[in-house]
Amino acid sequence: MIQIKVINKGHQQLPAYATPQSAGMDLRANLEESVTIGPMERRLIGTGLHIALPVGYEAQIRPRSGLALKHGITVLNTPGTVDADYRGEIMVLLVNLSNEDFTVNDGERIAQMVIAKHEQGEFLLVDALDETERGEGGYGHTGVS
């Protein structure tokens, strides 16, 4: 398990894994007053958290399945990426895909954060790519069903 330095400028508890095998930690809204998100509206919600990830890691901000299923609330830029060199507040971009207003309350679990290793790539300009069975087959190339 890697250690992540954190400054909590909010008043919520630190994110934690709900079970020993959880991949994500719940992020909580850090609000002075409730925020209502109308249908098809998007709002940036603060968490009060500032982190320093080790080089080679990112934090992925993902929707909570319960909010998506029950209320049509999801993370718009999913997964959002927090880079290792970012030191600002972790913010969550929520969108309301339902037909009803949704109110986000202080302390509510609004998203989950997954810590993931990543690699950086370097492009090598070439004249041709190696041939594969798939080739240029893209969206729907294997059929509908």
Protein backbone atom coordinates (compact mmCIF):
# COMPACT_ATOMS: atom_id res chain seq x y z
CA MET A 1 0.00 0.00 0.00
CA ILE A 2 1.42 3.39 -0.98
CA GLN A 3 1.31 6.39 1.33
CA ILE A 4 -0.36 9.56 0.10
CA LYS A 5 0.32 12.88 1.79
CA VAL A 6 -2.91 14.81 2.38
CA ILE A 7 -3.95 18.19 3.71
CA ASN A 8 -7.58 18.32 4.76
CA LYS A 9 -8.75 21.93 4.52
CA GLY A 10 -12.33 20.79 4.93
CA HIS A 11 -14.25 19.41 7.86
CA GLN A 12 -15.00 15.92 6.54
CA GLN A 13 -13.27 12.70 7.52
CA LEU A 14 -10.50 11.46 5.26
CA PRO A 15 -11.44 9.03 2.49
CA ALA A 16 -11.15 5.39 3.51
CA TYR A 17 -11.79 1.99 1.99
CA ALA A 18 -15.18 0.59 3.01
CA THR A 19 -13.98 -3.03 2.85
CA PRO A 20 -10.54 -4.68 2.77
CA GLN A 21 -10.82 -5.39 -0.97
CA SER A 22 -12.41 -2.10 -2.10
CA ALA A 23 -10.69 -0.44 -5.07
CA GLY A 24 -12.12 3.02 -4.40
CA MET A 25 -12.46 5.35 -1.43
CA ASP A 26 -15.57 7.50 -1.10
CA LEU A 27 -15.12 11.26 -1.44
CA ARG A 28 -17.44 13.51 0.57
CA ALA A 29 -18.86 16.91 -0.31
CA ASN A 30 -17.31 19.67 1.77
CA LEU A 31 -19.96 22.40 1.67
CA GLU A 32 -20.95 25.38 3.76
CA GLU A 33 -24.51 25.03 2.46
CA SER A 34 -26.35 22.46 0.36
CA VAL A 35 -26.09 22.67 -3.45
CA THR A 36 -29.03 21.84 -5.71
CA ILE A 37 -28.26 20.49 -9.17
CA GLY A 38 -31.13 20.86 -11.63
CA PRO A 39 -31.88 18.44 -14.48
CA MET A 40 -29.04 18.40 -17.05
CA GLU A 41 -27.09 20.87 -14.88
CA ARG A 42 -23.49 20.37 -13.79
CA ARG A 43 -21.79 21.66 -10.65
CA LEU A 44 -18.27 21.53 -9.28
CA ILE A 45 -18.29 20.24 -5.70
CA GLY A 46 -15.30 20.64 -3.40
CA THR A 47 -13.94 17.99 -1.06
CA GLY A 48 -11.48 20.10 0.96
CA LEU A 49 -8.73 17.58 0.16
CA HIS A 50 -5.29 18.37 -1.27
CA ILE A 51 -3.01 15.42 -1.99
CA ALA A 52 0.54 14.66 -3.12
CA LEU A 53 0.70 11.39 -5.04
CA PRO A 54 3.98 9.60 -5.70
CA VAL A 55 5.37 9.95 -9.24
CA GLY A 56 3.88 7.25 -11.48
CA TYR A 57 0.47 7.32 -9.77
CA GLU A 58 -2.81 9.09 -10.47
CA ALA A 59 -6.08 9.39 -8.59
CA GLN A 60 -9.11 8.55 -10.71
CA ILE A 61 -12.38 10.23 -9.71
CA ARG A 62 -15.32 8.00 -10.58
CA PRO A 63 -19.09 8.00 -10.05
CA ARG A 64 -20.79 6.22 -7.18
CA SER A 65 -23.06 3.55 -8.63
CA GLY A 66 -25.84 4.16 -6.09
CA LEU A 67 -26.11 7.86 -6.97
CA ALA A 68 -26.14 7.02 -10.67
CA LEU A 69 -28.80 4.32 -10.37
CA LYS A 70 -31.10 5.95 -7.82
CA HIS A 71 -30.76 9.63 -8.78
CA GLY A 72 -29.10 9.93 -12.21
CA ILE A 73 -26.10 11.72 -10.66
CA THR A 74 -22.71 10.94 -12.18
CA VAL A 75 -19.23 12.38 -12.62
CA LEU A 76 -19.22 14.20 -15.94
CA ASN A 77 -15.55 13.77 -16.89
CA THR A 78 -15.31 10.21 -15.72
CA PRO A 79 -12.85 9.14 -14.78
CA GLY A 80 -11.41 12.46 -13.79
CA THR A 81 -7.65 12.39 -13.31
CA VAL A 82 -5.68 13.94 -10.47
CA ASP A 83 -2.04 14.04 -11.55
CA ALA A 84 0.89 13.48 -9.18
CA ASP A 85 2.00 17.12 -9.52
CA TYR A 86 -1.44 18.70 -8.81
CA ARG A 87 -1.69 20.37 -5.41
CA GLY A 88 -5.08 22.10 -5.63
CA GLU A 89 -8.30 20.99 -4.00
CA ILE A 90 -9.82 17.78 -5.33
CA MET A 91 -13.06 18.87 -6.98
CA VAL A 92 -15.81 16.62 -8.36
CA LEU A 93 -17.74 17.63 -11.48
CA LEU A 94 -21.24 16.24 -10.94
CA VAL A 95 -24.01 16.21 -13.55
CA ASN A 96 -27.69 15.52 -12.99
CA LEU A 97 -28.99 13.31 -15.81
CA SER A 98 -32.42 12.90 -14.21
CA ASN A 99 -35.58 14.95 -14.66
CA GLU A 100 -35.63 16.09 -11.02
CA ASP A 101 -33.54 18.45 -8.89
CA PHE A 102 -30.93 16.74 -6.72
CA THR A 103 -29.56 18.31 -3.55
CA VAL A 104 -25.99 17.61 -2.47
CA ASN A 105 -25.60 17.96 1.28
CA ASP A 106 -22.46 18.59 3.30
CA GLY A 107 -20.71 15.29 4.07
CA GLU A 108 -22.57 13.33 1.40
CA ARG A 109 -20.56 10.70 -0.44
CA ILE A 110 -20.44 12.08 -3.99
CA ALA A 111 -17.77 10.08 -5.83
CA GLN A 112 -15.08 7.51 -5.36
CA MET A 113 -11.34 7.85 -5.79
CA VAL A 114 -9.17 5.04 -7.14
CA ILE A 115 -5.38 5.26 -6.85
CA ALA A 116 -3.75 3.76 -9.94
CA LYS A 117 -0.25 3.26 -11.30
CA HIS A 118 0.37 4.53 -14.79
CA GLU A 119 3.08 4.70 -17.42
CA GLN A 120 4.04 7.58 -19.67
CA GLY A 121 4.47 6.91 -23.36
CA GLU A 122 6.67 8.47 -25.98
CA PHE A 123 5.49 8.65 -29.59
CA LEU A 124 7.78 7.26 -32.28
CA LEU A 125 6.83 8.58 -35.72
CA VAL A 126 6.75 5.76 -38.31
CA ASP A 127 5.48 5.31 -41.88
CA ALA A 128 3.43 2.15 -41.19
CA LEU A 129 2.06 0.09 -38.31
CA ASP A 130 2.26 -3.68 -38.00
CA GLU A 131 -0.69 -5.62 -39.44
CA THR A 132 -3.23 -7.26 -37.13
CA GLU A 133 -6.34 -9.39 -37.68
CA ARG A 134 -8.53 -6.52 -36.47
CA GLY A 135 -6.85 -3.88 -38.57
CA GLU A 136 -8.84 -0.64 -38.66
CA GLY A 137 -12.05 -2.23 -37.33
CA GLY A 138 -13.52 0.23 -34.84
CA TYR A 139 -16.91 0.88 -33.29
CA GLY A 140 -19.23 -2.09 -33.83
CA HIS A 141 -16.77 -4.01 -35.98
CA THR A 142 -17.59 -7.31 -34.27
CA GLY A 143 -21.36 -6.97 -34.80
CA VAL A 144 -24.35 -5.75 -32.86
CA SER A 145 -25.15 -8.80 -30.74
